[in-house]
Amino acid sequence: MKKVVVVTGSSSGLGKAIATLLLQRGDYHLILTGRNARGLAEFQNNSDVDIIIGDITDNKTLDAIENNVKKRKRIDILINNAGIIYIQPYTDNTRQQLDDLLEIDLKAPMLLTQQLYPLMVKQQSGHIININSTTGLLAKANHTLYSAAKFGLKGFTDALRYEANQHNIRVTSFHPGGMKTEFYDELTGIPVEKYMNPRLIAKLLLQLIETDPSIAPDEIVINRMMK
């Protein structure tokens, strides 16, 4: 039986790289979500993929994911990957940006986990992987909103781990540094050319997913080599 995997934010960047790699393995059924239908087009007409187009902050999208999982009658892996970023002085952040970033980077993964976690408890197995950032471990100037959300996500992940352990559910905080993705397309002055290849990060994530269930990595941190 193929393992059922939910990947949010899978229309581009790391999420898309993860989805592509998992499909190549042939051992997984994927439930992919994203706002960009064009980015998910290459996964259409694949019997091992269900696609949900929608905003991860919308309750309708969350409910659609849950309903799709229930049709599969199990959930093996949840990868909370969707996110946005603003890199600018704190005083330049608008209230709308604050609301948007906290909704997508912190509240959405908490809500989706809340909906799918009981299914893992029922089956007494599963793996929740929250894609964080090195900025969720070490704060940076001009990353105030992003750091706040990612530190909050780490706190949520760490606390949930203690509860999930008694149900044989693994909970991992995954902290990659900067990657060459569309994440930074609307930002200027970011040295993306020096950042890491998301496909390589996806390979590391696959190793984490396929680690023996008796091993429970709490936290993975990935930095690039600095020359």
N, C-alpha and C. Protein backbone atom coordinates (compact mmCIF):
# COMPACT_ATOMS: atom_id res chain seq x y z
N MET A 1 0.84 -1.19 0.00
CA MET A 1 0.00 0.00 0.00
C MET A 1 0.88 1.25 0.00
N LYS A 2 0.56 2.19 -0.88
CA LYS A 2 1.36 3.40 -0.96
C LYS A 2 1.05 4.33 0.21
N LYS A 3 2.10 4.98 0.71
CA LYS A 3 1.92 5.91 1.81
C LYS A 3 1.27 7.20 1.30
N VAL A 4 0.40 7.76 2.09
CA VAL A 4 -0.31 9.00 1.73
C VAL A 4 0.44 10.18 2.32
N VAL A 5 0.81 11.11 1.46
CA VAL A 5 1.60 12.27 1.86
C VAL A 5 0.90 13.56 1.44
N VAL A 6 0.75 14.48 2.37
CA VAL A 6 0.22 15.81 2.07
C VAL A 6 1.39 16.79 2.04
N VAL A 7 1.49 17.56 0.95
CA VAL A 7 2.54 18.59 0.83
C VAL A 7 1.86 19.92 0.52
N THR A 8 1.99 20.89 1.39
CA THR A 8 1.43 22.22 1.12
C THR A 8 2.48 23.08 0.42
N GLY A 9 2.01 24.07 -0.32
CA GLY A 9 2.92 24.94 -1.03
C GLY A 9 3.76 24.19 -2.05
N SER A 10 3.12 23.30 -2.79
CA SER A 10 3.86 22.40 -3.67
C SER A 10 3.87 22.83 -5.13
N SER A 11 3.46 24.06 -5.41
CA SER A 11 3.44 24.52 -6.81
C SER A 11 4.77 25.13 -7.24
N SER A 12 5.71 25.29 -6.30
CA SER A 12 7.00 25.87 -6.65
C SER A 12 8.02 25.55 -5.55
N GLY A 13 9.27 25.90 -5.82
CA GLY A 13 10.32 25.83 -4.81
C GLY A 13 10.52 24.46 -4.19
N LEU A 14 10.77 24.45 -2.89
CA LEU A 14 11.05 23.20 -2.18
C LEU A 14 9.87 22.25 -2.24
N GLY A 15 8.66 22.76 -2.09
CA GLY A 15 7.48 21.90 -2.12
C GLY A 15 7.37 21.13 -3.42
N LYS A 16 7.61 21.81 -4.52
CA LYS A 16 7.53 21.16 -5.83
C LYS A 16 8.66 20.14 -5.99
N ALA A 17 9.85 20.48 -5.49
CA ALA A 17 10.98 19.56 -5.56
C ALA A 17 10.70 18.29 -4.75
N ILE A 18 10.07 18.47 -3.58
CA ILE A 18 9.71 17.32 -2.75
C ILE A 18 8.71 16.44 -3.47
N ALA A 19 7.67 17.05 -4.04
CA ALA A 19 6.63 16.30 -4.73
C ALA A 19 7.22 15.52 -5.91
N THR A 20 8.08 16.16 -6.68
CA THR A 20 8.69 15.52 -7.84
C THR A 20 9.51 14.30 -7.43
N LEU A 21 10.28 14.45 -6.38
CA LEU A 21 11.14 13.37 -5.91
C LEU A 21 10.32 12.21 -5.36
N LEU A 22 9.27 12.51 -4.61
CA LEU A 22 8.44 11.45 -4.05
C LEU A 22 7.74 10.66 -5.15
N LEU A 23 7.30 11.36 -6.18
CA LEU A 23 6.65 10.67 -7.30
C LEU A 23 7.61 9.73 -8.01
N GLN A 24 8.84 10.16 -8.14
CA GLN A 24 9.85 9.32 -8.78
C GLN A 24 10.08 8.02 -8.02
N ARG A 25 9.88 8.06 -6.72
CA ARG A 25 10.07 6.86 -5.90
C ARG A 25 9.00 5.82 -6.18
N GLY A 26 7.79 6.28 -6.45
CA GLY A 26 6.71 5.35 -6.77
C GLY A 26 6.06 4.68 -5.58
N ASP A 27 6.44 5.09 -4.38
CA ASP A 27 5.92 4.46 -3.17
C ASP A 27 4.89 5.30 -2.44
N TYR A 28 4.50 6.43 -3.04
CA TYR A 28 3.67 7.39 -2.32
C TYR A 28 2.48 7.83 -3.16
N HIS A 29 1.38 8.11 -2.46
CA HIS A 29 0.26 8.82 -3.08
C HIS A 29 0.27 10.24 -2.51
N LEU A 30 0.31 11.23 -3.38
CA LEU A 30 0.49 12.61 -2.95
C LEU A 30 -0.80 13.41 -3.01
N ILE A 31 -1.02 14.21 -1.99
CA ILE A 31 -2.08 15.22 -1.99
C ILE A 31 -1.36 16.55 -1.97
N LEU A 32 -1.39 17.25 -3.10
CA LEU A 32 -0.61 18.46 -3.28
C LEU A 32 -1.51 19.68 -3.25
N THR A 33 -1.07 20.72 -2.55
CA THR A 33 -1.85 21.95 -2.47
C THR A 33 -1.01 23.14 -2.90
N GLY A 34 -1.68 24.15 -3.40
CA GLY A 34 -1.00 25.38 -3.79
C GLY A 34 -1.98 26.35 -4.42
N ARG A 35 -1.57 27.60 -4.51
CA ARG A 35 -2.44 28.62 -5.11
C ARG A 35 -2.23 28.74 -6.61
N ASN A 36 -1.09 28.25 -7.10
CA ASN A 36 -0.73 28.42 -8.50
C ASN A 36 -1.04 27.16 -9.30
N ALA A 37 -2.16 27.18 -10.01
CA ALA A 37 -2.57 26.01 -10.78
C ALA A 37 -1.54 25.67 -11.85
N ARG A 38 -0.92 26.67 -12.43
CA ARG A 38 0.07 26.43 -13.48
C ARG A 38 1.26 25.66 -12.92
N GLY A 39 1.67 25.99 -11.71
CA GLY A 39 2.80 25.31 -11.10
C GLY A 39 2.54 23.86 -10.79
N LEU A 40 1.27 23.51 -10.65
CA LEU A 40 0.90 22.12 -10.34
C LEU A 40 0.47 21.35 -11.57
N ALA A 41 0.45 22.00 -12.72
CA ALA A 41 -0.08 21.39 -13.95
C ALA A 41 0.65 20.10 -14.32
N GLU A 42 1.94 20.05 -14.11
CA GLU A 42 2.71 18.87 -14.52
C GLU A 42 2.35 17.63 -13.71
N PHE A 43 1.66 17.82 -12.58
CA PHE A 43 1.27 16.68 -11.76
C PHE A 43 -0.13 16.16 -12.09
N GLN A 44 -0.82 16.87 -12.95
CA GLN A 44 -2.18 16.47 -13.31
C GLN A 44 -2.16 15.17 -14.11
N ASN A 45 -3.27 14.47 -14.08
CA ASN A 45 -3.45 13.21 -14.82
C ASN A 45 -2.50 12.12 -14.34
N ASN A 46 -2.03 12.25 -13.11
CA ASN A 46 -1.20 11.22 -12.50
C ASN A 46 -2.05 10.52 -11.44
N SER A 47 -2.20 9.23 -11.55
CA SER A 47 -3.07 8.50 -10.63
C SER A 47 -2.57 8.51 -9.19
N ASP A 48 -1.32 8.88 -9.01
CA ASP A 48 -0.75 8.93 -7.67
C ASP A 48 -0.79 10.33 -7.07
N VAL A 49 -1.54 11.22 -7.70
CA VAL A 49 -1.59 12.61 -7.23
C VAL A 49 -3.02 13.13 -7.19
N ASP A 50 -3.38 13.75 -6.07
CA ASP A 50 -4.60 14.54 -5.98
C ASP A 50 -4.18 15.99 -5.78
N ILE A 51 -4.77 16.89 -6.55
CA ILE A 51 -4.38 18.31 -6.50
C ILE A 51 -5.52 19.14 -5.93
N ILE A 52 -5.16 19.99 -4.98
CA ILE A 52 -6.13 20.91 -4.39
C ILE A 52 -5.61 22.33 -4.58
N ILE A 53 -6.29 23.08 -5.44
CA ILE A 53 -5.90 24.47 -5.70
C ILE A 53 -6.64 25.36 -4.71
N GLY A 54 -5.89 26.15 -3.95
CA GLY A 54 -6.55 27.03 -3.00
C GLY A 54 -5.57 27.66 -2.04
N ASP A 55 -6.05 28.66 -1.34
CA ASP A 55 -5.25 29.36 -0.35
C ASP A 55 -5.24 28.56 0.95
N ILE A 56 -4.06 28.28 1.47
CA ILE A 56 -3.93 27.45 2.65
C ILE A 56 -4.52 28.13 3.89
N THR A 57 -4.79 29.43 3.81
CA THR A 57 -5.41 30.14 4.93
C THR A 57 -6.93 30.08 4.88
N ASP A 58 -7.46 29.50 3.81
CA ASP A 58 -8.91 29.41 3.62
C ASP A 58 -9.42 28.10 4.23
N ASN A 59 -10.43 28.20 5.08
CA ASN A 59 -10.99 27.00 5.71
C ASN A 59 -11.49 25.99 4.68
N LYS A 60 -11.95 26.47 3.53
CA LYS A 60 -12.43 25.57 2.49
C LYS A 60 -11.30 24.70 1.97
N THR A 61 -10.11 25.30 1.85
CA THR A 61 -8.95 24.53 1.39
C THR A 61 -8.55 23.50 2.43
N LEU A 62 -8.52 23.91 3.69
CA LEU A 62 -8.18 22.98 4.77
C LEU A 62 -9.17 21.82 4.83
N ASP A 63 -10.44 22.13 4.68
CA ASP A 63 -11.47 21.08 4.71
C ASP A 63 -11.33 20.14 3.51
N ALA A 64 -10.97 20.71 2.35
CA ALA A 64 -10.79 19.89 1.15
C ALA A 64 -9.64 18.91 1.34
N ILE A 65 -8.57 19.37 1.98
CA ILE A 65 -7.43 18.48 2.25
C ILE A 65 -7.86 17.36 3.19
N GLU A 66 -8.56 17.73 4.27
CA GLU A 66 -9.01 16.73 5.24
C GLU A 66 -9.94 15.71 4.59
N ASN A 67 -10.87 16.17 3.77
CA ASN A 67 -11.82 15.27 3.12
C ASN A 67 -11.10 14.32 2.17
N ASN A 68 -10.10 14.85 1.48
CA ASN A 68 -9.34 14.01 0.55
C ASN A 68 -8.57 12.93 1.31
N VAL A 69 -7.99 13.32 2.43
CA VAL A 69 -7.26 12.35 3.26
C VAL A 69 -8.21 11.26 3.77
N LYS A 70 -9.39 11.66 4.19
CA LYS A 70 -10.35 10.69 4.72
C LYS A 70 -10.78 9.68 3.65
N LYS A 71 -10.82 10.13 2.39
CA LYS A 71 -11.15 9.21 1.31
C LYS A 71 -10.06 8.14 1.17
N ARG A 72 -8.84 8.55 1.47
CA ARG A 72 -7.71 7.60 1.40
C ARG A 72 -7.64 6.72 2.65
N LYS A 73 -8.38 7.11 3.69
CA LYS A 73 -8.51 6.35 4.93
C LYS A 73 -7.21 6.27 5.73
N ARG A 74 -6.26 7.16 5.41
CA ARG A 74 -5.06 7.22 6.23
C ARG A 74 -4.23 8.44 5.82
N ILE A 75 -3.33 8.84 6.71
CA ILE A 75 -2.39 9.91 6.43
C ILE A 75 -1.06 9.50 7.06
N ASP A 76 -0.06 9.31 6.24
CA ASP A 76 1.24 8.85 6.73
C ASP A 76 2.20 10.00 7.01
N ILE A 77 2.19 11.00 6.14
CA ILE A 77 3.15 12.10 6.28
C ILE A 77 2.46 13.42 5.94
N LEU A 78 2.63 14.40 6.81
CA LEU A 78 2.16 15.76 6.55
C LEU A 78 3.38 16.67 6.50
N ILE A 79 3.56 17.35 5.36
CA ILE A 79 4.67 18.28 5.20
C ILE A 79 4.10 19.69 5.07
N ASN A 80 4.17 20.45 6.15
CA ASN A 80 3.70 21.83 6.15
C ASN A 80 4.82 22.72 5.58
N ASN A 81 4.69 23.04 4.30
CA ASN A 81 5.76 23.73 3.59
C ASN A 81 5.40 25.14 3.14
N ALA A 82 4.12 25.43 2.94
CA ALA A 82 3.71 26.73 2.39
C ALA A 82 4.21 27.88 3.26
N GLY A 83 4.64 28.95 2.60
CA GLY A 83 5.12 30.09 3.37
C GLY A 83 5.40 31.30 2.49
N ILE A 84 5.48 32.47 3.11
CA ILE A 84 5.87 33.71 2.44
C ILE A 84 6.91 34.40 3.30
N ILE A 85 7.53 35.45 2.76
CA ILE A 85 8.55 36.17 3.51
C ILE A 85 8.54 37.64 3.15
N TYR A 86 8.87 38.49 4.11
CA TYR A 86 9.13 39.91 3.88
C TYR A 86 10.48 40.21 4.52
N ILE A 87 11.37 40.81 3.75
CA ILE A 87 12.68 41.19 4.27
C ILE A 87 12.82 42.70 4.13
N GLN A 88 12.64 43.38 5.24
CA GLN A 88 12.67 44.84 5.23
C GLN A 88 12.70 45.35 6.68
N PRO A 89 13.06 46.61 6.88
CA PRO A 89 13.06 47.15 8.24
C PRO A 89 11.68 46.99 8.89
N TYR A 90 11.67 46.77 10.18
CA TYR A 90 10.41 46.50 10.88
C TYR A 90 9.39 47.60 10.66
N THR A 91 9.85 48.86 10.65
CA THR A 91 8.91 49.98 10.50
C THR A 91 8.28 50.03 9.12
N ASP A 92 8.83 49.29 8.15
CA ASP A 92 8.26 49.27 6.80
C ASP A 92 7.16 48.23 6.65
N ASN A 93 7.04 47.35 7.63
CA ASN A 93 6.01 46.32 7.55
C ASN A 93 4.63 46.90 7.80
N THR A 94 3.69 46.53 6.96
CA THR A 94 2.32 46.99 7.15
C THR A 94 1.55 46.01 8.02
N ARG A 95 0.42 46.44 8.54
CA ARG A 95 -0.42 45.56 9.33
C ARG A 95 -0.92 44.39 8.49
N GLN A 96 -1.20 44.67 7.21
CA GLN A 96 -1.66 43.60 6.32
C GLN A 96 -0.57 42.56 6.12
N GLN A 97 0.68 43.01 5.96
CA GLN A 97 1.78 42.06 5.81
C GLN A 97 1.94 41.20 7.06
N LEU A 98 1.80 41.83 8.21
CA LEU A 98 1.89 41.07 9.47
C LEU A 98 0.81 40.00 9.52
N ASP A 99 -0.42 40.39 9.19
CA ASP A 99 -1.53 39.43 9.21
C ASP A 99 -1.29 38.30 8.22
N ASP A 100 -0.87 38.65 6.99
CA ASP A 100 -0.68 37.65 5.94
C ASP A 100 0.41 36.66 6.31
N LEU A 101 1.54 37.17 6.81
CA LEU A 101 2.65 36.28 7.11
C LEU A 101 2.33 35.34 8.26
N LEU A 102 1.73 35.86 9.31
CA LEU A 102 1.38 35.00 10.44
C LEU A 102 0.30 33.99 10.06
N GLU A 103 -0.61 34.39 9.20
CA GLU A 103 -1.67 33.48 8.76
C GLU A 103 -1.09 32.30 7.98
N ILE A 104 -0.16 32.60 7.06
CA ILE A 104 0.37 31.56 6.17
C ILE A 104 1.47 30.74 6.84
N ASP A 105 2.41 31.42 7.50
CA ASP A 105 3.60 30.75 8.01
C ASP A 105 3.40 30.09 9.37
N LEU A 106 2.42 30.53 10.12
CA LEU A 106 2.23 29.99 11.47
C LEU A 106 0.84 29.40 11.69
N LYS A 107 -0.18 30.20 11.46
CA LYS A 107 -1.53 29.74 11.77
C LYS A 107 -1.99 28.60 10.87
N ALA A 108 -1.71 28.70 9.57
CA ALA A 108 -2.16 27.67 8.63
C ALA A 108 -1.60 26.29 8.94
N PRO A 109 -0.28 26.15 9.17
CA PRO A 109 0.22 24.82 9.51
C PRO A 109 -0.33 24.30 10.84
N MET A 110 -0.60 25.19 11.78
CA MET A 110 -1.19 24.75 13.04
C MET A 110 -2.61 24.23 12.82
N LEU A 111 -3.38 24.94 12.00
CA LEU A 111 -4.76 24.54 11.76
C LEU A 111 -4.85 23.24 10.96
N LEU A 112 -4.00 23.12 9.92
CA LEU A 112 -4.04 21.90 9.12
C LEU A 112 -3.60 20.70 9.96
N THR A 113 -2.58 20.89 10.77
CA THR A 113 -2.14 19.82 11.67
C THR A 113 -3.26 19.44 12.63
N GLN A 114 -3.97 20.44 13.13
CA GLN A 114 -5.06 20.17 14.07
C GLN A 114 -6.14 19.30 13.41
N GLN A 115 -6.35 19.48 12.11
CA GLN A 115 -7.37 18.70 11.43
C GLN A 115 -6.92 17.29 11.08
N LEU A 116 -5.63 17.12 10.79
CA LEU A 116 -5.15 15.80 10.36
C LEU A 116 -4.53 14.97 11.49
N TYR A 117 -4.08 15.64 12.52
CA TYR A 117 -3.43 14.94 13.64
C TYR A 117 -4.33 13.86 14.27
N PRO A 118 -5.63 14.12 14.48
CA PRO A 118 -6.48 13.08 15.08
C PRO A 118 -6.51 11.79 14.25
N LEU A 119 -6.36 11.91 12.93
CA LEU A 119 -6.34 10.72 12.08
C LEU A 119 -5.09 9.90 12.35
N MET A 120 -3.97 10.59 12.58
CA MET A 120 -2.73 9.90 12.92
C MET A 120 -2.83 9.24 14.29
N VAL A 121 -3.47 9.93 15.21
CA VAL A 121 -3.67 9.37 16.55
C VAL A 121 -4.50 8.09 16.46
N LYS A 122 -5.53 8.13 15.65
CA LYS A 122 -6.40 6.97 15.49
C LYS A 122 -5.64 5.78 14.94
N GLN A 123 -4.76 6.02 13.97
CA GLN A 123 -4.01 4.91 13.37
C GLN A 123 -2.71 4.61 14.13
N GLN A 124 -2.39 5.47 15.12
CA GLN A 124 -1.20 5.30 15.96
C GLN A 124 0.08 5.24 15.12
N SER A 125 0.16 6.15 14.16
CA SER A 125 1.36 6.27 13.33
C SER A 125 1.27 7.56 12.52
N GLY A 126 2.42 7.99 12.01
CA GLY A 126 2.45 9.17 11.17
C GLY A 126 3.71 9.99 11.39
N HIS A 127 3.92 10.93 10.52
CA HIS A 127 5.09 11.81 10.62
C HIS A 127 4.67 13.21 10.17
N ILE A 128 4.84 14.17 11.05
CA ILE A 128 4.56 15.57 10.75
C ILE A 128 5.90 16.29 10.59
N ILE A 129 6.09 16.92 9.44
CA ILE A 129 7.33 17.66 9.18
C ILE A 129 6.97 19.11 8.91
N ASN A 130 7.39 20.00 9.78
CA ASN A 130 7.14 21.43 9.60
C ASN A 130 8.39 22.07 9.01
N ILE A 131 8.24 22.59 7.79
CA ILE A 131 9.36 23.24 7.13
C ILE A 131 9.54 24.62 7.75
N ASN A 132 10.62 24.79 8.46
CA ASN A 132 10.91 26.04 9.14
C ASN A 132 12.01 26.77 8.38
N SER A 133 12.99 27.29 9.05
CA SER A 133 14.08 28.05 8.44
C SER A 133 15.18 28.21 9.48
N THR A 134 16.40 28.47 9.03
CA THR A 134 17.45 28.80 10.00
C THR A 134 17.09 30.09 10.74
N THR A 135 16.23 30.91 10.13
CA THR A 135 15.77 32.14 10.78
C THR A 135 14.81 31.83 11.93
N GLY A 136 14.33 30.60 12.00
CA GLY A 136 13.51 30.17 13.12
C GLY A 136 14.35 29.70 14.30
N LEU A 137 15.67 29.78 14.14
CA LEU A 137 16.61 29.42 15.21
C LEU A 137 17.47 30.59 15.63
N LEU A 138 17.79 31.43 14.65
CA LEU A 138 18.64 32.59 14.88
C LEU A 138 18.03 33.79 14.17
N ALA A 139 17.57 34.75 14.94
CA ALA A 139 16.89 35.91 14.36
C ALA A 139 17.85 36.74 13.51
N LYS A 140 17.28 37.44 12.51
CA LYS A 140 18.08 38.27 11.61
C LYS A 140 17.44 39.64 11.48
N ALA A 141 18.28 40.64 11.28
CA ALA A 141 17.76 41.99 11.02
C ALA A 141 16.92 41.98 9.76
N ASN A 142 15.88 42.79 9.74
CA ASN A 142 14.97 42.93 8.60
C ASN A 142 14.12 41.68 8.34
N HIS A 143 14.13 40.76 9.29
CA HIS A 143 13.32 39.54 9.20
C HIS A 143 12.35 39.45 10.39
N THR A 144 11.92 40.57 10.92
CA THR A 144 11.16 40.55 12.17
C THR A 144 9.88 39.71 12.09
N LEU A 145 9.07 39.92 11.07
CA LEU A 145 7.83 39.17 10.95
C LEU A 145 8.11 37.70 10.69
N TYR A 146 9.03 37.45 9.80
CA TYR A 146 9.38 36.08 9.43
C TYR A 146 9.97 35.33 10.63
N SER A 147 10.88 35.98 11.34
CA SER A 147 11.47 35.36 12.52
C SER A 147 10.41 35.05 13.57
N ALA A 148 9.50 35.99 13.79
CA ALA A 148 8.44 35.78 14.78
C ALA A 148 7.61 34.56 14.44
N ALA A 149 7.24 34.44 13.16
CA ALA A 149 6.41 33.31 12.73
C ALA A 149 7.18 31.99 12.85
N LYS A 150 8.43 32.00 12.42
CA LYS A 150 9.21 30.76 12.42
C LYS A 150 9.60 30.33 13.83
N PHE A 151 9.88 31.28 14.71
CA PHE A 151 10.12 30.92 16.11
C PHE A 151 8.84 30.34 16.71
N GLY A 152 7.70 30.91 16.35
CA GLY A 152 6.43 30.38 16.83
C GLY A 152 6.17 28.98 16.30
N LEU A 153 6.51 28.74 15.03
CA LEU A 153 6.32 27.42 14.44
C LEU A 153 7.20 26.39 15.14
N LYS A 154 8.41 26.78 15.49
CA LYS A 154 9.31 25.87 16.20
C LYS A 154 8.72 25.52 17.58
N GLY A 155 8.20 26.53 18.27
CA GLY A 155 7.60 26.27 19.58
C GLY A 155 6.42 25.31 19.48
N PHE A 156 5.59 25.51 18.47
CA PHE A 156 4.45 24.62 18.23
C PHE A 156 4.93 23.19 17.95
N THR A 157 5.93 23.09 17.08
CA THR A 157 6.46 21.78 16.71
C THR A 157 7.05 21.05 17.92
N ASP A 158 7.84 21.76 18.71
CA ASP A 158 8.48 21.15 19.87
C ASP A 158 7.44 20.68 20.90
N ALA A 159 6.42 21.49 21.12
CA ALA A 159 5.40 21.13 22.10
C ALA A 159 4.56 19.94 21.62
N LEU A 160 4.18 19.98 20.35
CA LEU A 160 3.36 18.88 19.81
C LEU A 160 4.12 17.56 19.86
N ARG A 161 5.43 17.62 19.69
CA ARG A 161 6.24 16.40 19.69
C ARG A 161 6.04 15.60 20.97
N TYR A 162 5.96 16.29 22.11
CA TYR A 162 5.80 15.61 23.39
C TYR A 162 4.45 14.88 23.47
N GLU A 163 3.42 15.48 22.87
CA GLU A 163 2.11 14.84 22.88
C GLU A 163 2.06 13.69 21.88
N ALA A 164 2.68 13.90 20.71
CA ALA A 164 2.58 12.93 19.63
C ALA A 164 3.37 11.66 19.89
N ASN A 165 4.45 11.78 20.65
CA ASN A 165 5.33 10.65 20.90
C ASN A 165 4.58 9.46 21.50
N GLN A 166 3.63 9.74 22.38
CA GLN A 166 2.89 8.66 23.03
C GLN A 166 1.96 7.94 22.06
N HIS A 167 1.75 8.53 20.88
CA HIS A 167 0.90 7.91 19.86
C HIS A 167 1.72 7.35 18.70
N ASN A 168 3.02 7.23 18.90
CA ASN A 168 3.91 6.69 17.86
C ASN A 168 3.94 7.59 16.62
N ILE A 169 3.79 8.89 16.83
CA ILE A 169 3.82 9.87 15.74
C ILE A 169 5.09 10.69 15.85
N ARG A 170 5.83 10.77 14.77
CA ARG A 170 7.06 11.57 14.75
C ARG A 170 6.75 13.01 14.35
N VAL A 171 7.41 13.96 14.97
CA VAL A 171 7.22 15.38 14.65
C VAL A 171 8.61 16.00 14.51
N THR A 172 8.91 16.51 13.33
CA THR A 172 10.25 17.02 13.03
C THR A 172 10.20 18.48 12.59
N SER A 173 11.12 19.26 13.11
CA SER A 173 11.30 20.65 12.69
C SER A 173 12.47 20.69 11.71
N PHE A 174 12.20 21.11 10.48
CA PHE A 174 13.17 21.07 9.39
C PHE A 174 13.59 22.49 9.04
N HIS A 175 14.88 22.79 9.22
CA HIS A 175 15.36 24.17 9.12
C HIS A 175 16.41 24.36 8.02
N PRO A 176 15.99 24.53 6.77
CA PRO A 176 16.98 24.83 5.73
C PRO A 176 17.30 26.32 5.67
N GLY A 177 18.52 26.63 5.23
CA GLY A 177 18.87 28.02 4.97
C GLY A 177 18.30 28.45 3.62
N GLY A 178 18.78 29.56 3.10
CA GLY A 178 18.25 30.11 1.86
C GLY A 178 18.42 29.19 0.66
N MET A 179 17.37 29.10 -0.15
CA MET A 179 17.38 28.27 -1.35
C MET A 179 17.06 29.10 -2.59
N LYS A 180 17.54 28.67 -3.74
CA LYS A 180 17.27 29.36 -5.01
C LYS A 180 15.86 29.00 -5.47
N THR A 181 14.87 29.73 -5.01
CA THR A 181 13.48 29.47 -5.37
C THR A 181 12.76 30.78 -5.68
N GLU A 182 11.51 30.63 -6.12
CA GLU A 182 10.67 31.78 -6.43
C GLU A 182 10.31 32.57 -5.17
N PHE A 183 10.66 32.02 -4.02
CA PHE A 183 10.38 32.64 -2.72
C PHE A 183 10.86 34.09 -2.69
N TYR A 184 11.97 34.35 -3.39
CA TYR A 184 12.59 35.67 -3.32
C TYR A 184 12.36 36.51 -4.57
N ASP A 185 11.47 36.07 -5.45
CA ASP A 185 11.29 36.74 -6.75
C ASP A 185 10.95 38.22 -6.63
N GLU A 186 10.16 38.58 -5.64
CA GLU A 186 9.71 39.96 -5.52
C GLU A 186 10.61 40.80 -4.62
N LEU A 187 11.71 40.22 -4.18
CA LEU A 187 12.63 40.93 -3.30
C LEU A 187 13.88 41.33 -4.06
N THR A 188 14.49 42.42 -3.67
CA THR A 188 15.70 42.89 -4.32
C THR A 188 16.88 42.86 -3.34
N GLY A 189 18.07 42.75 -3.89
CA GLY A 189 19.26 42.77 -3.05
C GLY A 189 19.53 41.49 -2.32
N ILE A 190 18.85 40.39 -2.68
CA ILE A 190 19.05 39.10 -2.03
C ILE A 190 20.00 38.26 -2.90
N PRO A 191 21.12 37.79 -2.38
CA PRO A 191 22.11 37.04 -3.18
C PRO A 191 21.67 35.60 -3.45
N VAL A 192 20.55 35.45 -4.16
CA VAL A 192 19.96 34.13 -4.38
C VAL A 192 20.92 33.19 -5.11
N GLU A 193 21.78 33.75 -5.96
CA GLU A 193 22.71 32.91 -6.72
C GLU A 193 23.64 32.11 -5.81
N LYS A 194 23.80 32.54 -4.57
CA LYS A 194 24.66 31.84 -3.62
C LYS A 194 23.89 30.85 -2.75
N TYR A 195 22.59 30.82 -2.94
CA TYR A 195 21.75 29.98 -2.09
C TYR A 195 21.74 28.53 -2.57
N MET A 196 21.16 27.65 -1.77
CA MET A 196 21.19 26.21 -2.03
C MET A 196 20.14 25.78 -3.05
N ASN A 197 20.44 24.66 -3.71
CA ASN A 197 19.53 24.07 -4.70
C ASN A 197 18.41 23.33 -3.95
N PRO A 198 17.14 23.70 -4.17
CA PRO A 198 16.05 23.04 -3.44
C PRO A 198 15.95 21.55 -3.71
N ARG A 199 16.42 21.11 -4.88
CA ARG A 199 16.38 19.67 -5.18
C ARG A 199 17.29 18.88 -4.24
N LEU A 200 18.41 19.50 -3.87
CA LEU A 200 19.32 18.83 -2.93
C LEU A 200 18.72 18.77 -1.53
N ILE A 201 18.00 19.85 -1.16
CA ILE A 201 17.33 19.86 0.13
C ILE A 201 16.21 18.82 0.16
N ALA A 202 15.51 18.68 -0.97
CA ALA A 202 14.44 17.69 -1.06
C ALA A 202 14.99 16.27 -0.89
N LYS A 203 16.20 16.02 -1.39
CA LYS A 203 16.82 14.71 -1.22
C LYS A 203 17.10 14.41 0.25
N LEU A 204 17.52 15.43 0.97
CA LEU A 204 17.75 15.25 2.41
C LEU A 204 16.43 14.98 3.13
N LEU A 205 15.39 15.67 2.70
CA LEU A 205 14.08 15.46 3.31
C LEU A 205 13.58 14.05 3.04
N LEU A 206 13.85 13.54 1.84
CA LEU A 206 13.45 12.18 1.52
C LEU A 206 14.14 11.18 2.44
N GLN A 207 15.41 11.40 2.73
CA GLN A 207 16.12 10.54 3.67
C GLN A 207 15.46 10.57 5.04
N LEU A 208 15.01 11.76 5.44
CA LEU A 208 14.32 11.89 6.72
C LEU A 208 13.02 11.09 6.70
N ILE A 209 12.25 11.22 5.63
CA ILE A 209 10.98 10.52 5.51
C ILE A 209 11.17 9.00 5.58
N GLU A 210 12.23 8.53 4.94
CA GLU A 210 12.44 7.10 4.82
C GLU A 210 13.32 6.52 5.92
N THR A 211 13.64 7.35 6.93
CA THR A 211 14.34 6.84 8.10
C THR A 211 13.49 5.80 8.81
N ASP A 212 14.10 4.78 9.35
CA ASP A 212 13.37 3.74 10.07
C ASP A 212 12.45 4.38 11.12
N PRO A 213 11.19 3.94 11.20
CA PRO A 213 10.21 4.53 12.14
C PRO A 213 10.64 4.50 13.60
N SER A 214 11.60 3.64 13.93
CA SER A 214 12.06 3.59 15.32
C SER A 214 12.97 4.75 15.66
N ILE A 215 13.37 5.53 14.63
CA ILE A 215 14.23 6.70 14.83
C ILE A 215 13.39 7.95 14.61
N ALA A 216 13.47 8.89 15.55
CA ALA A 216 12.63 10.09 15.48
C ALA A 216 13.49 11.35 15.54
N PRO A 217 13.98 11.84 14.39
CA PRO A 217 14.76 13.08 14.39
C PRO A 217 13.88 14.26 14.82
N ASP A 218 14.28 14.95 15.86
CA ASP A 218 13.50 16.08 16.35
C ASP A 218 13.69 17.32 15.50
N GLU A 219 14.93 17.54 15.08
CA GLU A 219 15.25 18.81 14.40
C GLU A 219 16.39 18.60 13.41
N ILE A 220 16.20 19.10 12.20
CA ILE A 220 17.22 19.03 11.16
C ILE A 220 17.56 20.46 10.74
N VAL A 221 18.83 20.82 10.79
CA VAL A 221 19.28 22.16 10.39
C VAL A 221 20.24 22.02 9.23
N ILE A 222 20.00 22.80 8.15
CA ILE A 222 20.83 22.69 6.95
C ILE A 222 21.33 24.08 6.57
N ASN A 223 22.63 24.26 6.62
CA ASN A 223 23.27 25.51 6.20
C ASN A 223 24.10 25.26 4.96
N ARG A 224 24.31 26.30 4.19
CA ARG A 224 25.18 26.17 3.02
C ARG A 224 26.63 26.42 3.44
N MET A 225 27.54 25.86 2.67
CA MET A 225 28.95 26.10 2.91
C MET A 225 29.27 27.55 2.57
N MET A 226 29.95 28.23 3.46
CA MET A 226 30.30 29.64 3.26
C MET A 226 31.75 29.74 2.83
N LYS A 227 31.98 30.31 1.66
CA LYS A 227 33.34 30.48 1.17
C LYS A 227 33.88 31.85 1.57
